[in-house]
Amino acid sequence: MHAAAPTLGCSLKPNVATKQKTVSVNGIVISRAAISREAQHHPAAKPIEAWLTAARALVVREVLLQEAGRLGLVPRPLQDEAGRREIEEEALIRALVEQEVVTPVPDGEACRRYYDQNRSRFRSPDLYEVRHILIAVEPGGEAESTAARQLAANIASELAADPNAFDRLAAAHSACPSGKAGGHLGQIGPGQTVPEFERALPSLPVGSVAATPIETRYGLHVVAVDRHIAGRPLPYEAVQQRIAEYLRDHVRRTAIRQYISVLMGRADIRGIELGTNGSVLVQ
């Protein structure tokens, strides 16, 4: 069970001398080969960025492992339901964090305060009853795209004059299976359609056919929104547990970052150095 090395929320700034420097933590060298292997877990626009991020991750891991060793911790690897087992280094880091990082548990007052300050986040999702006619845009040249756009525009214009023609036009032209059912998609909510379709729904008129088709990866959609069911505020009792879990996770992450920063500040790190704000800079 492999996991990328833990990282500190900070940035690396490359320097022309980077490849001439040997990276070490308290005299323990982190080999270039190890950094190169770690880099595969840190995709980046440029190889040097991946290498630098990997170097930072391995420095943080080495600092944590050395601290676990200093405290005499013994690795006790866990195994998940799929049979994947922690490697000893992962088990040591987990044990260190569990022992040394104290995470306060958010109380009811904190949860209620967060709810009151973020009420807009706690609403049932908006729902839409939608019909559509999908005009597929076949891969090809400009002529195919132009023809599809013209057909979608013509259908939208025809429906503006005769909304009752939707079923007929859907059956005749829609590339979606829903065309056989009048283009009905039923009641849809967040995550049930492609993002570009979902983003357009709030701006469409309710009770009529949109004048401009929606363009998605599947083609052009002539859309009628028959009904918009606005989301409603969720009561505190319904989201209290979710808020408590979020706050607990947020506090824990913050505490771990602070703990790592303290350890990094104490360590003798060569090849990279800690900035005054806790970021890691390449020497």
C-alpha atoms as a PDB file:
ATOM      1  CA  MET A   1       0.000   0.000   0.000  1.00  0.00           C
ATOM      2  CA  HIS A   2       1.993   2.918  -1.280  1.00  0.00           C
ATOM      3  CA  ALA A   3       1.217   6.511  -0.458  1.00  0.00           C
ATOM      4  CA  ALA A   4       3.104   9.580  -1.575  1.00  0.00           C
ATOM      5  CA  ALA A   5       5.233  11.081   1.136  1.00  0.00           C
ATOM      6  CA  PRO A   6       3.517  13.640   3.390  1.00  0.00           C
ATOM      7  CA  THR A   7       4.030  17.220   2.337  1.00  0.00           C
ATOM      8  CA  LEU A   8       4.135  20.580   4.009  1.00  0.00           C
ATOM      9  CA  GLY A   9       1.863  23.239   2.585  1.00  0.00           C
ATOM     10  CA  CYS A  10       4.607  25.292   1.018  1.00  0.00           C
ATOM     11  CA  SER A  11       6.333  26.062  -2.244  1.00  0.00           C
ATOM     12  CA  LEU A  12       9.683  25.342  -3.818  1.00  0.00           C
ATOM     13  CA  LYS A  13      11.585  27.832  -5.914  1.00  0.00           C
ATOM     14  CA  PRO A  14      14.113  26.285  -8.281  1.00  0.00           C
ATOM     15  CA  ASN A  15      17.639  27.556  -8.538  1.00  0.00           C
ATOM     16  CA  VAL A  16      20.247  26.806 -11.206  1.00  0.00           C
ATOM     17  CA  ALA A  17      22.381  25.173  -8.531  1.00  0.00           C
ATOM     18  CA  THR A  18      19.664  22.671  -7.524  1.00  0.00           C
ATOM     19  CA  LYS A  19      21.178  19.642  -9.237  1.00  0.00           C
ATOM     20  CA  GLN A  20      24.596  20.321  -7.714  1.00  0.00           C
ATOM     21  CA  LYS A  21      23.241  20.164  -4.176  1.00  0.00           C
ATOM     22  CA  THR A  22      22.937  17.024  -2.075  1.00  0.00           C
ATOM     23  CA  VAL A  23      19.745  16.993  -0.059  1.00  0.00           C
ATOM     24  CA  SER A  24      20.104  15.757   3.506  1.00  0.00           C
ATOM     25  CA  VAL A  25      18.288  15.839   6.836  1.00  0.00           C
ATOM     26  CA  ASN A  26      20.435  15.760   9.978  1.00  0.00           C
ATOM     27  CA  GLY A  27      23.230  14.178   7.972  1.00  0.00           C
ATOM     28  CA  ILE A  28      21.025  11.548   6.299  1.00  0.00           C
ATOM     29  CA  VAL A  29      21.279  11.945   2.526  1.00  0.00           C
ATOM     30  CA  ILE A  30      18.186  11.660   0.359  1.00  0.00           C
ATOM     31  CA  SER A  31      19.459  10.210  -2.892  1.00  0.00           C
ATOM     32  CA  ARG A  32      18.659  11.671  -6.282  1.00  0.00           C
ATOM     33  CA  ALA A  33      17.375   8.250  -7.304  1.00  0.00           C
ATOM     34  CA  ALA A  34      14.854   8.274  -4.445  1.00  0.00           C
ATOM     35  CA  ILE A  35      13.708  11.749  -5.399  1.00  0.00           C
ATOM     36  CA  SER A  36      13.291  10.706  -9.024  1.00  0.00           C
ATOM     37  CA  ARG A  37      11.185   7.690  -7.987  1.00  0.00           C
ATOM     38  CA  GLU A  38       9.026   9.870  -5.736  1.00  0.00           C
ATOM     39  CA  ALA A  39       8.520  12.391  -8.551  1.00  0.00           C
ATOM     40  CA  GLN A  40       6.160  10.027 -10.375  1.00  0.00           C
ATOM     41  CA  HIS A  41       3.628  10.652  -7.599  1.00  0.00           C
ATOM     42  CA  HIS A  42       3.758  14.435  -8.121  1.00  0.00           C
ATOM     43  CA  PRO A  43       2.628  15.293 -11.680  1.00  0.00           C
ATOM     44  CA  ALA A  44       3.660  18.779 -12.772  1.00  0.00           C
ATOM     45  CA  ALA A  45       3.864  20.893 -15.910  1.00  0.00           C
ATOM     46  CA  LYS A  46       7.650  20.584 -15.955  1.00  0.00           C
ATOM     47  CA  PRO A  47       9.864  17.700 -14.809  1.00  0.00           C
ATOM     48  CA  ILE A  48      11.918  20.001 -12.583  1.00  0.00           C
ATOM     49  CA  GLU A  49       8.765  21.029 -10.716  1.00  0.00           C
ATOM     50  CA  ALA A  50       7.874  17.403 -10.059  1.00  0.00           C
ATOM     51  CA  TRP A  51      11.437  16.708  -8.906  1.00  0.00           C
ATOM     52  CA  LEU A  52      11.422  19.656  -6.520  1.00  0.00           C
ATOM     53  CA  THR A  53       8.045  18.737  -5.064  1.00  0.00           C
ATOM     54  CA  ALA A  54       9.251  15.177  -4.586  1.00  0.00           C
ATOM     55  CA  ALA A  55      12.398  16.409  -2.831  1.00  0.00           C
ATOM     56  CA  ARG A  56      10.285  18.450  -0.452  1.00  0.00           C
ATOM     57  CA  ALA A  57       8.019  15.475   0.273  1.00  0.00           C
ATOM     58  CA  LEU A  58      10.951  13.205   1.054  1.00  0.00           C
ATOM     59  CA  VAL A  59      12.533  15.790   3.327  1.00  0.00           C
ATOM     60  CA  VAL A  60       9.305  16.063   5.301  1.00  0.00           C
ATOM     61  CA  ARG A  61       9.029  12.263   5.485  1.00  0.00           C
ATOM     62  CA  GLU A  62      12.627  11.927   6.662  1.00  0.00           C
ATOM     63  CA  VAL A  63      12.083  14.532   9.365  1.00  0.00           C
ATOM     64  CA  LEU A  64       9.013  12.631  10.588  1.00  0.00           C
ATOM     65  CA  LEU A  65      10.739   9.251  10.478  1.00  0.00           C
ATOM     66  CA  GLN A  66      13.711  10.556  12.410  1.00  0.00           C
ATOM     67  CA  GLU A  67      11.410  11.976  15.068  1.00  0.00           C
ATOM     68  CA  ALA A  68       9.565   8.653  15.299  1.00  0.00           C
ATOM     69  CA  GLY A  69      12.917   6.931  15.763  1.00  0.00           C
ATOM     70  CA  ARG A  70      14.003   9.401  18.431  1.00  0.00           C
ATOM     71  CA  LEU A  71      10.805   8.667  20.355  1.00  0.00           C
ATOM     72  CA  GLY A  72      11.365   4.918  20.022  1.00  0.00           C
ATOM     73  CA  LEU A  73       8.104   4.240  18.222  1.00  0.00           C
ATOM     74  CA  VAL A  74       7.530   0.767  16.844  1.00  0.00           C
ATOM     75  CA  PRO A  75       5.749   0.334  13.492  1.00  0.00           C
ATOM     76  CA  ARG A  76       2.487  -1.623  13.602  1.00  0.00           C
ATOM     77  CA  PRO A  77       1.272  -1.671   9.993  1.00  0.00           C
ATOM     78  CA  LEU A  78      -2.464  -1.757   9.365  1.00  0.00           C
ATOM     79  CA  GLN A  79      -4.224  -3.650   6.613  1.00  0.00           C
ATOM     80  CA  ASP A  80      -7.338  -2.425   4.801  1.00  0.00           C
ATOM     81  CA  GLU A  81     -10.348  -4.423   3.655  1.00  0.00           C
ATOM     82  CA  ALA A  82      -8.751  -5.024   0.269  1.00  0.00           C
ATOM     83  CA  GLY A  83      -5.755  -6.673   1.900  1.00  0.00           C
ATOM     84  CA  ARG A  84      -3.367  -3.771   1.245  1.00  0.00           C
ATOM     85  CA  ARG A  85      -0.869  -3.371   4.059  1.00  0.00           C
ATOM     86  CA  GLU A  86       0.951  -0.270   5.203  1.00  0.00           C
ATOM     87  CA  ILE A  87       4.676  -0.213   4.741  1.00  0.00           C
ATOM     88  CA  GLU A  88       6.640   0.270   7.964  1.00  0.00           C
ATOM     89  CA  GLU A  89       7.493   3.895   7.191  1.00  0.00           C
ATOM     90  CA  GLU A  90       3.815   4.748   6.743  1.00  0.00           C
ATOM     91  CA  ALA A  91       2.968   2.988   9.999  1.00  0.00           C
ATOM     92  CA  LEU A  92       5.672   4.904  11.865  1.00  0.00           C
ATOM     93  CA  ILE A  93       4.490   8.272  10.556  1.00  0.00           C
ATOM     94  CA  ARG A  94       0.886   7.423  11.420  1.00  0.00           C
ATOM     95  CA  ALA A  95       1.911   6.383  14.935  1.00  0.00           C
ATOM     96  CA  LEU A  96       3.918   9.580  15.388  1.00  0.00           C
ATOM     97  CA  VAL A  97       1.039  11.803  14.335  1.00  0.00           C
ATOM     98  CA  GLU A  98      -1.441   9.895  16.490  1.00  0.00           C
ATOM     99  CA  GLN A  99       0.809  10.230  19.533  1.00  0.00           C
ATOM    100  CA  GLU A 100       2.151  13.746  19.131  1.00  0.00           C
ATOM    101  CA  VAL A 101      -0.555  15.755  17.382  1.00  0.00           C
ATOM    102  CA  VAL A 102      -3.432  16.613  19.670  1.00  0.00           C
ATOM    103  CA  THR A 103      -6.585  17.526  17.801  1.00  0.00           C
ATOM    104  CA  PRO A 104      -9.275  19.367  19.771  1.00  0.00           C
ATOM    105  CA  VAL A 105     -12.772  18.018  19.236  1.00  0.00           C
ATOM    106  CA  PRO A 106     -15.181  20.745  18.065  1.00  0.00           C
ATOM    107  CA  ASP A 107     -17.960  21.297  20.574  1.00  0.00           C
ATOM    108  CA  GLY A 108     -21.597  22.050  19.889  1.00  0.00           C
ATOM    109  CA  GLU A 109     -21.042  25.793  20.181  1.00  0.00           C
ATOM    110  CA  ALA A 110     -18.340  25.751  17.482  1.00  0.00           C
ATOM    111  CA  CYS A 111     -20.508  23.661  15.177  1.00  0.00           C
ATOM    112  CA  ARG A 112     -23.500  25.938  15.657  1.00  0.00           C
ATOM    113  CA  ARG A 113     -21.379  29.029  15.049  1.00  0.00           C
ATOM    114  CA  TYR A 114     -20.055  27.556  11.795  1.00  0.00           C
ATOM    115  CA  TYR A 115     -23.616  26.733  10.701  1.00  0.00           C
ATOM    116  CA  ASP A 116     -24.836  30.272  11.435  1.00  0.00           C
ATOM    117  CA  GLN A 117     -21.912  31.805   9.533  1.00  0.00           C
ATOM    118  CA  ASN A 118     -22.304  29.516   6.490  1.00  0.00           C
ATOM    119  CA  ARG A 119     -26.033  28.972   6.104  1.00  0.00           C
ATOM    120  CA  SER A 120     -25.857  29.260   2.320  1.00  0.00           C
ATOM    121  CA  ARG A 121     -23.799  26.058   2.228  1.00  0.00           C
ATOM    122  CA  PHE A 122     -26.484  24.036   3.951  1.00  0.00           C
ATOM    123  CA  ARG A 123     -29.363  23.850   1.533  1.00  0.00           C
ATOM    124  CA  SER A 124     -31.031  21.038  -0.312  1.00  0.00           C
ATOM    125  CA  PRO A 125     -29.995  21.145  -4.002  1.00  0.00           C
ATOM    126  CA  ASP A 126     -31.990  22.946  -6.653  1.00  0.00           C
ATOM    127  CA  LEU A 127     -33.903  20.548  -8.911  1.00  0.00           C
ATOM    128  CA  TYR A 128     -35.017  21.047 -12.501  1.00  0.00           C
ATOM    129  CA  GLU A 129     -37.592  19.277 -14.639  1.00  0.00           C
ATOM    130  CA  VAL A 130     -36.074  19.399 -18.099  1.00  0.00           C
ATOM    131  CA  ARG A 131     -36.727  18.343 -21.679  1.00  0.00           C
ATOM    132  CA  HIS A 132     -34.089  18.517 -24.377  1.00  0.00           C
ATOM    133  CA  ILE A 133     -33.357  17.760 -27.990  1.00  0.00           C
ATOM    134  CA  LEU A 134     -29.752  16.767 -28.575  1.00  0.00           C
ATOM    135  CA  ILE A 135     -28.185  17.608 -31.910  1.00  0.00           C
ATOM    136  CA  ALA A 136     -24.957  15.668 -32.096  1.00  0.00           C
ATOM    137  CA  VAL A 137     -21.946  17.428 -33.565  1.00  0.00           C
ATOM    138  CA  GLU A 138     -20.056  14.760 -35.479  1.00  0.00           C
ATOM    139  CA  PRO A 139     -16.267  14.978 -35.544  1.00  0.00           C
ATOM    140  CA  GLY A 140     -15.205  16.471 -38.809  1.00  0.00           C
ATOM    141  CA  GLY A 141     -14.823  19.761 -40.550  1.00  0.00           C
ATOM    142  CA  GLU A 142     -16.416  23.146 -40.176  1.00  0.00           C
ATOM    143  CA  ALA A 143     -19.269  22.226 -42.494  1.00  0.00           C
ATOM    144  CA  GLU A 144     -20.572  19.512 -40.118  1.00  0.00           C
ATOM    145  CA  SER A 145     -20.399  21.840 -37.136  1.00  0.00           C
ATOM    146  CA  THR A 146     -22.137  24.652 -39.016  1.00  0.00           C
ATOM    147  CA  ALA A 147     -24.914  22.320 -40.150  1.00  0.00           C
ATOM    148  CA  ALA A 148     -25.519  21.078 -36.598  1.00  0.00           C
ATOM    149  CA  ARG A 149     -25.653  24.621 -35.229  1.00  0.00           C
ATOM    150  CA  GLN A 150     -28.073  25.680 -37.916  1.00  0.00           C
ATOM    151  CA  LEU A 151     -30.349  22.713 -37.234  1.00  0.00           C
ATOM    152  CA  ALA A 152     -30.361  23.440 -33.489  1.00  0.00           C
ATOM    153  CA  ALA A 153     -31.134  27.112 -34.138  1.00  0.00           C
ATOM    154  CA  ASN A 154     -33.968  26.184 -36.518  1.00  0.00           C
ATOM    155  CA  ILE A 155     -35.497  23.804 -33.972  1.00  0.00           C
ATOM    156  CA  ALA A 156     -35.307  26.460 -31.244  1.00  0.00           C
ATOM    157  CA  SER A 157     -37.017  28.970 -33.536  1.00  0.00           C
ATOM    158  CA  GLU A 158     -39.749  26.504 -34.493  1.00  0.00           C
ATOM    159  CA  LEU A 159     -40.422  25.722 -30.849  1.00  0.00           C
ATOM    160  CA  ALA A 160     -40.612  29.416 -29.995  1.00  0.00           C
ATOM    161  CA  ALA A 161     -43.506  29.629 -32.443  1.00  0.00           C
ATOM    162  CA  ASP A 162     -45.063  26.274 -31.516  1.00  0.00           C
ATOM    163  CA  PRO A 163     -44.015  24.865 -28.109  1.00  0.00           C
ATOM    164  CA  ASN A 164     -46.359  21.909 -28.596  1.00  0.00           C
ATOM    165  CA  ALA A 165     -44.079  20.582 -31.338  1.00  0.00           C
ATOM    166  CA  PHE A 166     -41.436  19.530 -28.818  1.00  0.00           C
ATOM    167  CA  ASP A 167     -42.391  15.849 -28.727  1.00  0.00           C
ATOM    168  CA  ARG A 168     -42.463  15.591 -32.516  1.00  0.00           C
ATOM    169  CA  LEU A 169     -39.150  17.372 -33.020  1.00  0.00           C
ATOM    170  CA  ALA A 170     -37.478  15.395 -30.253  1.00  0.00           C
ATOM    171  CA  ALA A 171     -38.538  12.118 -31.842  1.00  0.00           C
ATOM    172  CA  ALA A 172     -37.358  13.289 -35.256  1.00  0.00           C
ATOM    173  CA  HIS A 173     -34.021  14.895 -34.389  1.00  0.00           C
ATOM    174  CA  SER A 174     -32.723  14.060 -30.896  1.00  0.00           C
ATOM    175  CA  ALA A 175     -29.585  11.923 -30.677  1.00  0.00           C
ATOM    176  CA  CYS A 176     -30.480  11.114 -27.052  1.00  0.00           C
ATOM    177  CA  PRO A 177     -32.619   8.058 -26.203  1.00  0.00           C
ATOM    178  CA  SER A 178     -34.933  10.449 -24.368  1.00  0.00           C
ATOM    179  CA  GLY A 179     -36.087  11.683 -27.772  1.00  0.00           C
ATOM    180  CA  LYS A 180     -38.504   8.762 -27.917  1.00  0.00           C
ATOM    181  CA  ALA A 181     -40.111  10.076 -24.718  1.00  0.00           C
ATOM    182  CA  GLY A 182     -40.504  13.683 -25.770  1.00  0.00           C
ATOM    183  CA  GLY A 183     -37.003  14.584 -24.651  1.00  0.00           C
ATOM    184  CA  HIS A 184     -37.939  14.282 -20.973  1.00  0.00           C
ATOM    185  CA  LEU A 185     -34.967  13.959 -18.636  1.00  0.00           C
ATOM    186  CA  GLY A 186     -37.129  13.964 -15.541  1.00  0.00           C
ATOM    187  CA  GLN A 187     -36.102  15.743 -12.380  1.00  0.00           C
ATOM    188  CA  ILE A 188     -32.365  16.371 -12.327  1.00  0.00           C
ATOM    189  CA  GLY A 189     -30.037  17.758  -9.686  1.00  0.00           C
ATOM    190  CA  PRO A 190     -26.332  18.341  -9.087  1.00  0.00           C
ATOM    191  CA  GLY A 191     -23.983  15.800 -10.645  1.00  0.00           C
ATOM    192  CA  GLN A 192     -26.610  14.128 -12.807  1.00  0.00           C
ATOM    193  CA  THR A 193     -25.591  15.806 -16.050  1.00  0.00           C
ATOM    194  CA  VAL A 194     -22.312  16.968 -17.569  1.00  0.00           C
ATOM    195  CA  PRO A 195     -20.917  20.131 -15.896  1.00  0.00           C
ATOM    196  CA  GLU A 196     -21.483  22.433 -18.876  1.00  0.00           C
ATOM    197  CA  PHE A 197     -25.173  21.464 -19.004  1.00  0.00           C
ATOM    198  CA  GLU A 198     -25.573  21.818 -15.236  1.00  0.00           C
ATOM    199  CA  ARG A 199     -23.927  25.262 -15.183  1.00  0.00           C
ATOM    200  CA  ALA A 200     -26.346  26.583 -17.807  1.00  0.00           C
ATOM    201  CA  LEU A 201     -29.583  25.491 -16.119  1.00  0.00           C
ATOM    202  CA  PRO A 202     -29.905  28.327 -13.550  1.00  0.00           C
ATOM    203  CA  SER A 203     -29.820  30.947 -16.321  1.00  0.00           C
ATOM    204  CA  LEU A 204     -32.520  29.362 -18.497  1.00  0.00           C
ATOM    205  CA  PRO A 205     -36.123  30.603 -18.550  1.00  0.00           C
ATOM    206  CA  VAL A 206     -38.690  28.412 -16.803  1.00  0.00           C
ATOM    207  CA  GLY A 207     -41.770  27.429 -18.774  1.00  0.00           C
ATOM    208  CA  SER A 208     -40.381  28.045 -22.252  1.00  0.00           C
ATOM    209  CA  VAL A 209     -37.720  26.859 -24.664  1.00  0.00           C
ATOM    210  CA  ALA A 210     -34.338  28.554 -24.302  1.00  0.00           C
ATOM    211  CA  ALA A 211     -33.547  30.700 -27.328  1.00  0.00           C
ATOM    212  CA  THR A 212     -29.896  29.609 -27.403  1.00  0.00           C
ATOM    213  CA  PRO A 213     -28.959  25.900 -27.367  1.00  0.00           C
ATOM    214  CA  ILE A 214     -26.568  24.661 -24.689  1.00  0.00           C
ATOM    215  CA  GLU A 215     -23.279  23.362 -26.051  1.00  0.00           C
ATOM    216  CA  THR A 216     -21.695  20.364 -24.307  1.00  0.00           C
ATOM    217  CA  ARG A 217     -19.196  17.648 -25.167  1.00  0.00           C
ATOM    218  CA  TYR A 218     -22.103  15.669 -26.640  1.00  0.00           C
ATOM    219  CA  GLY A 219     -23.352  18.364 -28.970  1.00  0.00           C
ATOM    220  CA  LEU A 220     -26.029  21.058 -28.919  1.00  0.00           C
ATOM    221  CA  HIS A 221     -29.054  20.838 -26.628  1.00  0.00           C
ATOM    222  CA  VAL A 222     -32.312  22.639 -27.310  1.00  0.00           C
ATOM    223  CA  VAL A 223     -33.692  22.876 -23.789  1.00  0.00           C
ATOM    224  CA  ALA A 224     -37.023  23.515 -22.113  1.00  0.00           C
ATOM    225  CA  VAL A 225     -37.029  23.911 -18.333  1.00  0.00           C
ATOM    226  CA  ASP A 226     -40.553  23.016 -17.248  1.00  0.00           C
ATOM    227  CA  ARG A 227     -40.037  23.529 -13.529  1.00  0.00           C
ATOM    228  CA  HIS A 228     -37.417  24.809 -11.106  1.00  0.00           C
ATOM    229  CA  ILE A 229     -37.654  23.542  -7.536  1.00  0.00           C
ATOM    230  CA  ALA A 230     -35.518  25.795  -5.387  1.00  0.00           C
ATOM    231  CA  GLY A 231     -33.429  24.243  -2.655  1.00  0.00           C
ATOM    232  CA  ARG A 232     -34.444  24.845   0.933  1.00  0.00           C
ATOM    233  CA  PRO A 233     -32.334  25.576   4.006  1.00  0.00           C
ATOM    234  CA  LEU A 234     -31.390  22.431   5.913  1.00  0.00           C
ATOM    235  CA  PRO A 235     -31.988  22.515   9.675  1.00  0.00           C
ATOM    236  CA  TYR A 236     -28.948  22.506  11.935  1.00  0.00           C
ATOM    237  CA  GLU A 237     -29.838  19.072  13.293  1.00  0.00           C
ATOM    238  CA  ALA A 238     -29.609  17.567   9.802  1.00  0.00           C
ATOM    239  CA  VAL A 239     -26.061  18.800   9.198  1.00  0.00           C
ATOM    240  CA  GLN A 240     -24.569  18.911  12.696  1.00  0.00           C
ATOM    241  CA  GLN A 241     -22.617  15.664  12.244  1.00  0.00           C
ATOM    242  CA  ARG A 242     -21.297  16.742   8.839  1.00  0.00           C
ATOM    243  CA  ILE A 243     -20.123  20.068  10.304  1.00  0.00           C
ATOM    244  CA  ALA A 244     -18.426  18.337  13.249  1.00  0.00           C
ATOM    245  CA  GLU A 245     -16.543  16.011  10.886  1.00  0.00           C
ATOM    246  CA  TYR A 246     -15.481  18.908   8.657  1.00  0.00           C
ATOM    247  CA  LEU A 247     -14.239  21.010  11.574  1.00  0.00           C
ATOM    248  CA  ARG A 248     -12.439  18.048  13.124  1.00  0.00           C
ATOM    249  CA  ASP A 249     -10.667  17.321   9.820  1.00  0.00           C
ATOM    250  CA  HIS A 250      -9.804  20.997   9.296  1.00  0.00           C
ATOM    251  CA  VAL A 251      -8.362  21.370  12.806  1.00  0.00           C
ATOM    252  CA  ARG A 252      -6.423  18.124  12.440  1.00  0.00           C
ATOM    253  CA  ARG A 253      -4.850  19.188   9.149  1.00  0.00           C
ATOM    254  CA  THR A 254      -3.881  22.535  10.624  1.00  0.00           C
ATOM    255  CA  ALA A 255      -2.357  20.878  13.695  1.00  0.00           C
ATOM    256  CA  ILE A 256      -0.336  18.460  11.546  1.00  0.00           C
ATOM    257  CA  ARG A 257       1.001  21.298   9.398  1.00  0.00           C
ATOM    258  CA  GLN A 258       2.058  23.216  12.491  1.00  0.00           C
ATOM    259  CA  TYR A 259       3.717  20.141  14.002  1.00  0.00           C
ATOM    260  CA  ILE A 260       5.666  19.483  10.788  1.00  0.00           C
ATOM    261  CA  SER A 261       6.732  23.137  10.674  1.00  0.00           C
ATOM    262  CA  VAL A 262       8.142  22.882  14.186  1.00  0.00           C
ATOM    263  CA  LEU A 263      10.082  19.712  13.356  1.00  0.00           C
ATOM    264  CA  MET A 264      11.396  21.195  10.113  1.00  0.00           C
ATOM    265  CA  GLY A 265      12.572  24.247  11.988  1.00  0.00           C
ATOM    266  CA  ARG A 266      14.577  22.100  14.412  1.00  0.00           C
ATOM    267  CA  ALA A 267      16.169  19.866  11.771  1.00  0.00           C
ATOM    268  CA  ASP A 268      19.533  20.421  10.066  1.00  0.00           C
ATOM    269  CA  ILE A 269      18.393  20.402   6.455  1.00  0.00           C
ATOM    270  CA  ARG A 270      20.927  20.748   3.676  1.00  0.00           C
ATOM    271  CA  GLY A 271      20.291  21.240  -0.034  1.00  0.00           C
ATOM    272  CA  ILE A 272      17.067  23.064   0.771  1.00  0.00           C
ATOM    273  CA  GLU A 273      16.339  25.558   3.492  1.00  0.00           C
ATOM    274  CA  LEU A 274      13.284  26.730   5.360  1.00  0.00           C
ATOM    275  CA  GLY A 275      12.030  30.229   4.571  1.00  0.00           C
ATOM    276  CA  THR A 276      11.024  32.582   7.338  1.00  0.00           C
ATOM    277  CA  ASN A 277       7.342  31.823   6.676  1.00  0.00           C
ATOM    278  CA  GLY A 278       7.813  28.058   6.871  1.00  0.00           C
ATOM    279  CA  SER A 279       8.050  27.498   3.132  1.00  0.00           C
ATOM    280  CA  VAL A 280      10.762  25.348   1.649  1.00  0.00           C
ATOM    281  CA  LEU A 281      13.197  27.070  -0.637  1.00  0.00           C
ATOM    282  CA  VAL A 282      15.901  25.459  -2.727  1.00  0.00           C
ATOM    283  CA  GLN A 283      19.379  26.675  -1.805  1.00  0.00           C
END
